[in-house]
Protein backbone atom coordinates (compact mmCIF):
# COMPACT_ATOMS: atom_id res chain seq x y z
CA MET A 1 0.00 0.00 0.00
CA LYS A 2 1.28 3.40 -0.97
CA LYS A 3 1.96 5.65 2.01
CA PRO A 4 0.11 8.99 2.03
CA GLN A 5 2.39 11.94 1.42
CA LEU A 6 3.12 13.99 4.50
CA THR A 7 3.15 17.78 4.27
CA TYR A 8 4.07 20.62 6.59
CA LYS A 9 0.35 21.44 6.79
CA ASN A 10 -0.41 17.86 7.92
CA ALA A 11 2.13 18.39 10.69
CA GLY A 12 0.29 21.48 11.88
CA VAL A 13 1.92 24.42 10.08
CA ASP A 14 -0.04 26.17 7.33
CA ILE A 15 2.29 28.40 5.27
CA GLU A 16 -0.53 29.80 3.14
CA ALA A 17 -2.48 30.77 6.24
CA GLY A 18 0.64 32.43 7.59
CA ASP A 19 1.04 34.50 4.44
CA ALA A 20 -2.62 35.51 4.63
CA PHE A 21 -2.14 36.53 8.26
CA VAL A 22 0.77 38.82 7.34
CA LYS A 23 -1.45 40.57 4.78
CA ARG A 24 -4.15 40.88 7.43
CA ILE A 25 -1.92 42.62 9.99
CA THR A 26 0.05 44.82 7.57
CA PRO A 27 -2.38 47.79 7.82
CA HIS A 28 -1.95 47.89 11.60
CA ALA A 29 1.83 48.10 11.30
CA ALA A 30 1.70 50.54 8.38
CA LYS A 31 -0.10 53.20 10.41
CA THR A 32 2.83 53.37 12.87
CA LEU A 33 5.60 54.01 10.31
CA ARG A 34 7.66 57.15 10.88
CA LYS A 35 9.26 59.08 8.00
CA GLU A 36 12.67 57.61 8.88
CA VAL A 37 11.53 54.07 7.96
CA LEU A 38 12.92 53.20 4.51
CA THR A 39 11.23 49.83 3.99
CA GLY A 40 7.69 48.57 3.96
CA ILE A 41 6.34 45.43 5.61
CA GLY A 42 7.68 42.18 4.18
CA PRO A 43 11.45 42.33 3.51
CA PHE A 44 13.85 40.12 5.47
CA SER A 45 15.00 43.14 7.48
CA ALA A 46 13.89 46.72 8.09
CA LEU A 47 15.82 49.92 7.42
CA PHE A 48 15.65 53.05 9.56
CA LYS A 49 17.59 56.24 8.82
CA LEU A 50 18.49 58.41 11.82
CA ASP A 51 17.77 62.13 11.69
CA LEU A 52 21.30 63.49 12.28
CA LYS A 53 20.04 67.06 12.53
CA LYS A 54 18.00 66.15 15.58
CA TYR A 55 20.55 63.67 16.95
CA HIS A 56 24.01 65.22 16.56
CA SER A 57 25.76 62.61 18.74
CA PRO A 58 23.39 59.63 18.67
CA VAL A 59 23.61 56.74 21.10
CA LEU A 60 21.34 53.78 20.39
CA VAL A 61 19.45 52.34 23.35
CA SER A 62 17.81 48.90 23.24
CA GLY A 63 15.38 46.94 25.38
CA THR A 64 13.46 43.69 25.30
CA ASP A 65 10.69 42.20 27.42
CA GLY A 66 7.52 40.14 27.45
CA VAL A 67 4.14 40.16 29.18
CA GLY A 68 4.52 37.07 31.36
CA THR A 69 1.56 35.16 32.74
CA LYS A 70 -0.80 38.09 32.20
CA LEU A 71 -1.34 36.30 28.90
CA LYS A 72 -3.19 33.58 30.81
CA VAL A 73 -5.88 36.13 31.67
CA ALA A 74 -6.18 37.03 27.99
CA PHE A 75 -6.69 33.33 27.18
CA MET A 76 -9.31 33.02 29.95
CA THR A 77 -11.31 36.04 28.77
CA GLY A 78 -10.81 35.68 25.03
CA LYS A 79 -9.80 39.36 24.99
CA HIS A 80 -6.51 39.91 23.18
CA ASP A 81 -6.41 43.60 22.23
CA THR A 82 -4.67 44.99 25.35
CA VAL A 83 -1.73 42.63 25.92
CA GLY A 84 -0.06 44.01 22.78
CA ILE A 85 -0.06 47.45 24.42
CA ASP A 86 1.53 45.83 27.48
CA LEU A 87 4.27 44.35 25.31
CA VAL A 88 5.21 47.74 23.86
CA ALA A 89 4.94 49.48 27.23
CA MET A 90 7.30 47.09 28.99
CA CYS A 91 10.00 47.78 26.41
CA VAL A 92 9.60 51.48 25.64
CA ASN A 93 9.33 52.49 29.29
CA ASP A 94 12.64 50.75 30.00
CA VAL A 95 14.37 52.46 27.07
CA LEU A 96 12.90 55.79 28.21
CA THR A 97 14.75 55.69 31.54
CA THR A 98 17.90 56.90 29.73
CA SER A 99 15.92 59.82 28.19
CA ALA A 100 15.97 57.98 24.84
CA GLU A 101 13.20 58.44 22.30
CA PRO A 102 11.90 55.03 21.16
CA LEU A 103 12.32 54.78 17.40
CA PHE A 104 11.16 51.36 16.33
CA PHE A 105 9.75 48.14 17.71
CA LEU A 106 9.73 44.50 16.63
CA ASP A 107 7.64 41.65 17.98
CA TYR A 108 8.08 37.89 18.15
CA LEU A 109 4.83 35.95 18.43
CA SER A 110 4.86 32.17 18.86
CA VAL A 111 1.58 30.28 18.64
CA SER A 112 0.21 26.77 18.88
CA ASN A 113 -1.76 27.35 15.68
CA LEU A 114 -2.81 30.43 13.75
CA GLN A 115 -6.04 32.00 15.00
CA PRO A 116 -6.30 35.01 12.69
CA GLU A 117 -8.98 36.95 14.58
CA ALA A 118 -7.35 36.68 18.01
CA LEU A 119 -3.82 37.25 16.76
CA GLU A 120 -4.87 40.23 14.67
CA GLN A 121 -6.15 41.79 17.90
CA VAL A 122 -2.75 41.17 19.52
CA ILE A 123 -0.97 42.91 16.63
CA LYS A 124 -3.50 45.75 16.67
CA GLY A 125 -2.67 46.24 20.34
CA ILE A 126 1.03 46.32 19.55
CA ALA A 127 0.40 48.92 16.84
CA ASP A 128 -1.73 50.97 19.24
CA GLY A 129 1.07 50.85 21.80
CA CYS A 130 3.58 51.99 19.20
CA LEU A 131 1.37 54.94 18.31
CA MET A 132 1.15 55.88 22.00
CA ALA A 133 4.95 55.75 22.23
CA GLY A 134 5.58 57.46 18.89
CA CYS A 135 7.64 54.59 17.50
CA SER A 136 7.28 52.42 14.40
CA LEU A 137 6.27 48.77 14.34
CA ILE A 138 9.00 48.01 11.84
CA GLY A 139 8.94 44.21 11.72
CA GLY A 140 8.20 40.98 13.51
CA GLU A 141 7.96 37.23 13.35
CA THR A 142 5.05 34.87 13.87
CA ALA A 143 6.10 31.28 14.52
CA GLU A 144 3.55 28.48 14.34
CA MET A 145 4.66 25.78 16.80
CA PRO A 146 2.10 22.95 17.02
CA GLY A 147 2.54 20.69 20.00
CA PHE A 148 4.69 23.23 21.86
CA TYR A 149 1.86 25.29 23.37
CA GLU A 150 -1.63 24.33 24.46
CA SER A 151 -4.16 24.84 21.69
CA GLY A 152 -5.23 28.47 21.52
CA GLU A 153 -2.26 29.75 23.53
CA TYR A 154 0.66 31.91 22.47
CA ASP A 155 3.66 33.74 23.86
CA MET A 156 5.31 36.94 22.72
CA ALA A 157 8.40 39.07 23.15
CA GLY A 158 9.12 42.64 22.15
CA PHE A 159 12.28 44.44 21.09
CA CYS A 160 12.70 48.23 21.04
CA VAL A 161 15.48 50.54 19.84
CA GLY A 162 15.65 54.19 20.84
CA VAL A 163 18.14 57.03 20.53
CA VAL A 164 19.48 59.81 22.73
CA ASN A 165 22.25 62.35 22.22
CA SER A 166 25.33 61.39 24.24
CA ASP A 167 25.21 64.68 26.18
CA GLU A 168 21.55 64.13 27.12
CA ILE A 169 21.79 60.63 28.61
CA THR A 170 20.10 60.23 31.99
CA ASP A 171 22.08 57.73 34.06
CA GLY A 172 21.57 58.71 37.71
CA SER A 173 25.19 59.80 38.25
CA ALA A 174 24.16 63.36 39.20
CA ILE A 175 21.73 62.24 41.91
CA LYS A 176 22.56 63.41 45.45
CA ALA A 177 20.98 63.45 48.90
CA GLY A 178 18.08 65.88 49.10
CA ASP A 179 16.87 65.30 45.55
CA ALA A 180 13.14 64.78 45.03
CA ILE A 181 11.56 61.47 44.05
CA ILE A 182 8.44 61.96 41.94
CA GLY A 183 6.05 59.12 41.20
CA LEU A 184 3.79 58.91 38.16
CA SER A 185 0.58 56.98 38.64
CA SER A 186 0.20 53.50 37.18
CA SER A 187 -2.89 52.40 35.29
CA GLY A 188 -3.20 49.36 37.54
CA ILE A 189 -1.14 46.21 38.08
CA HIS A 190 0.64 46.66 34.72
CA SER A 191 2.41 43.42 33.70
CA ASN A 192 4.23 42.07 36.75
CA GLY A 193 3.31 39.75 39.59
CA TYR A 194 0.60 37.90 37.69
CA SER A 195 1.57 34.48 38.99
CA LEU A 196 0.69 35.77 42.47
CA VAL A 197 -2.32 37.75 41.17
CA ARG A 198 -3.84 34.68 39.48
CA LYS A 199 -3.26 32.55 42.56
CA VAL A 200 -5.02 35.09 44.79
CA PHE A 201 -8.04 35.81 42.57
CA PHE A 202 -8.65 32.43 40.95
CA GLU A 203 -7.36 29.87 43.47
CA ILE A 204 -7.64 31.44 46.93
CA ALA A 205 -10.67 33.71 46.35
CA GLY A 206 -12.27 31.34 43.83
CA LEU A 207 -13.33 34.16 41.51
CA LYS A 208 -13.83 33.92 37.75
CA VAL A 209 -12.74 36.39 35.09
CA ASP A 210 -16.37 37.50 34.72
CA SER A 211 -16.94 37.92 38.48
CA TYR A 212 -17.99 41.51 39.26
CA VAL A 213 -16.13 43.03 42.21
CA LYS A 214 -17.78 46.03 43.86
CA GLU A 215 -14.52 47.52 45.15
CA LEU A 216 -13.16 47.57 41.58
CA GLY A 217 -16.34 48.66 39.85
CA LYS A 218 -15.70 46.09 37.14
CA THR A 219 -15.09 42.39 36.59
CA VAL A 220 -11.88 40.63 37.59
CA GLY A 221 -10.94 40.11 33.94
CA GLU A 222 -11.50 43.77 33.07
CA GLU A 223 -9.27 44.89 35.95
CA LEU A 224 -6.49 42.42 35.27
CA LEU A 225 -6.32 43.30 31.56
CA VAL A 226 -5.98 47.07 31.99
CA PRO A 227 -2.86 47.75 29.88
CA THR A 228 0.42 49.10 31.20
CA ALA A 229 0.73 52.88 31.03
CA ILE A 230 3.13 54.26 28.42
CA TYR A 231 5.07 57.26 29.75
CA VAL A 232 7.12 58.18 26.68
CA LYS A 233 5.45 61.33 25.38
CA THR A 234 4.95 62.71 28.90
CA ILE A 235 8.59 62.24 29.91
CA LEU A 236 10.02 63.53 26.63
CA GLN A 237 8.04 66.74 27.18
CA LEU A 238 9.07 66.91 30.84
CA LYS A 239 12.78 66.77 29.98
CA GLU A 240 12.33 69.97 27.96
CA THR A 241 11.15 71.70 31.17
CA VAL A 242 13.45 70.45 33.96
CA LYS A 243 16.68 68.53 34.34
CA ILE A 244 15.88 64.89 35.06
CA LYS A 245 18.62 63.24 37.11
CA GLY A 246 17.34 59.69 37.11
CA MET A 247 14.35 57.54 36.18
CA ALA A 248 13.04 54.11 37.08
CA HIS A 249 10.37 51.97 35.45
CA ILE A 250 8.55 50.20 38.30
CA THR A 251 8.26 46.63 37.05
CA GLY A 252 9.15 43.26 38.64
CA GLY A 253 10.67 43.99 42.05
CA GLY A 254 8.33 46.90 42.66
CA ILE A 255 9.39 50.26 44.07
CA THR A 256 11.84 48.69 46.51
CA GLY A 257 13.69 46.80 43.79
CA ASN A 258 13.71 49.34 40.97
CA VAL A 259 14.35 52.79 42.46
CA PRO A 260 17.74 51.76 43.95
CA ARG A 261 18.88 50.62 40.48
CA VAL A 262 19.33 54.26 39.40
CA LEU A 263 20.95 55.55 42.59
CA PRO A 264 24.71 56.14 42.85
CA LEU A 265 26.74 54.72 45.72
CA GLY A 266 26.14 56.56 48.95
CA CYS A 267 22.50 57.27 48.17
CA GLY A 268 19.28 55.63 49.26
CA ALA A 269 15.60 56.33 48.74
CA HIS A 270 13.14 57.27 51.47
CA ILE A 271 9.59 56.67 50.22
CA ASP A 272 6.49 58.15 51.88
CA LYS A 273 3.84 55.50 51.39
CA THR A 274 1.08 57.96 52.34
CA ALA A 275 1.94 60.34 49.48
CA TRP A 276 -0.41 58.71 46.97
CA GLU A 277 -3.63 56.74 46.98
CA ARG A 278 -3.09 53.06 46.32
CA PRO A 279 -5.57 51.66 43.78
CA PRO A 280 -8.12 49.27 45.36
CA VAL A 281 -6.89 46.24 43.40
CA PHE A 282 -3.73 46.16 45.51
CA ASP A 283 -5.70 46.25 48.78
CA LEU A 284 -7.79 43.34 47.50
CA ILE A 285 -4.69 41.30 46.65
CA LYS A 286 -3.20 42.02 50.07
CA GLU A 287 -6.38 41.14 51.98
CA MET A 288 -7.60 38.12 49.99
CA GLY A 289 -4.14 36.58 49.72
CA ASN A 290 -2.89 37.58 53.18
CA VAL A 291 0.15 39.11 51.47
CA SER A 292 2.54 41.07 53.69
CA GLU A 293 3.16 44.78 53.10
CA ASP A 294 6.83 44.13 52.31
CA GLU A 295 5.85 41.47 49.77
CA MET A 296 3.38 43.85 48.15
CA TYR A 297 6.03 46.55 47.74
CA CYS A 298 8.68 44.24 46.32
CA THR A 299 6.26 42.58 43.87
CA PHE A 300 3.85 45.26 42.63
CA ASN A 301 4.02 48.89 41.55
CA GLN A 302 1.41 49.81 44.21
CA GLY A 303 0.02 52.58 42.04
CA ILE A 304 3.32 54.18 41.00
CA GLY A 305 4.38 52.98 37.56
CA TYR A 306 7.32 55.28 36.85
CA VAL A 307 9.68 57.38 38.96
CA VAL A 308 11.53 60.59 38.10
CA ILE A 309 14.28 62.11 40.26
CA THR A 310 14.99 65.84 40.07
CA SER A 311 16.60 68.42 42.30
CA LYS A 312 14.38 69.63 45.13
CA GLU A 313 14.27 73.05 43.44
CA ASP A 314 12.97 71.58 40.17
CA SER A 315 10.38 69.31 41.76
CA VAL A 316 7.57 71.90 41.90
CA ALA A 317 7.93 72.71 38.19
CA ALA A 318 8.18 69.00 37.35
CA LEU A 319 5.01 68.13 39.27
CA LYS A 320 3.11 70.99 37.66
CA LYS A 321 4.25 70.00 34.17
CA LEU A 322 3.35 66.33 34.68
CA ASN A 323 -0.10 67.10 36.03
CA ASP A 324 -0.70 69.71 33.31
CA LEU A 325 0.08 66.98 30.77
CA GLY A 326 -2.73 64.94 32.30
CA HIS A 327 -0.64 62.40 34.16
CA LYS A 328 -1.14 62.23 37.93
CA ALA A 329 2.18 62.72 39.68
CA TYR A 330 3.14 62.92 43.34
CA LEU A 331 6.16 63.83 45.45
CA VAL A 332 6.68 60.36 46.92
CA GLY A 333 10.03 60.69 48.67
CA GLU A 334 13.55 61.97 48.68
CA VAL A 335 17.07 60.74 48.14
CA VAL A 336 18.98 60.24 51.39
CA ALA A 337 22.62 59.64 52.23
CA ARG A 338 23.44 56.09 53.28
CA GLU A 339 26.10 53.46 52.97
CA GLY A 340 25.75 51.53 49.70
CA VAL A 341 22.47 51.78 47.81
CA GLY A 342 19.05 51.00 49.18
CA TYR A 343 15.50 51.85 50.09
CA SER A 344 13.65 52.82 53.23
CA ALA A 345 10.09 53.76 54.07
């Protein structure tokens, strides 16, 4: 008996469907393209020409990240249009801490099998995030990997390149005791700590993604899928107003783990926990999961998604500018002298 011929499609990978998917998502990427992009969507690589009038001594700044187990909530709800924003935010906010302007972004999406409608929503979210950050979605890769992921699941990673003039780099070296620590509000949990979040809400509390929670004013799924705030345009405008000495993106490790990363030796951070109102979702996590205060602060952003350090004299102007731009900002602490680098509250 003649054996049936085996094809790549029989094995679970449909090349024609992949080509059709690229055509489907191209309009989303196209709307993000800046004038410096020299190629369209489709070549093996993308070309980007730096504006040397704007950047007289350019230094390229790169960053990469993912969204982690927040994706599990997207799978549970069937809502996929916000995690793409998260992916961009996690990368561009990191690059921004040097005062760099994000220029372009690439994504890597690996899937069990192509689901055009859901994955188009992911890419739309990525494009939306790029528009918020002012950068171009310049390329990407979608890998169909049957048998590697559960059916209907996917993972993704993002890659961002930005640029800053060498004499404008923010690196924290000018920070000294007495400087002001300003916190910009988060939009919610952002994209860190979701292994603990899912355990608290779904295992310990026994809630479902469609469970309405009065304290939140929305369902669990709606709260957990609020996308990470993108701070790029706000901070790039702020740096035209005051001298920024240091910045921290409050991600995994929380305030306690991320603020010290930008402090020079001999400096620590004193944070006033009463300086801002913590969003109710964090109180729920703490109470339902019996999570200690220290654990909360070293895991979650606690309502502060990004930190800017300026001189004490510049802090009033910085706070006014940030709030005028429509982003809630608070004086959350000050830099203090101490041995080594650290945090106190």
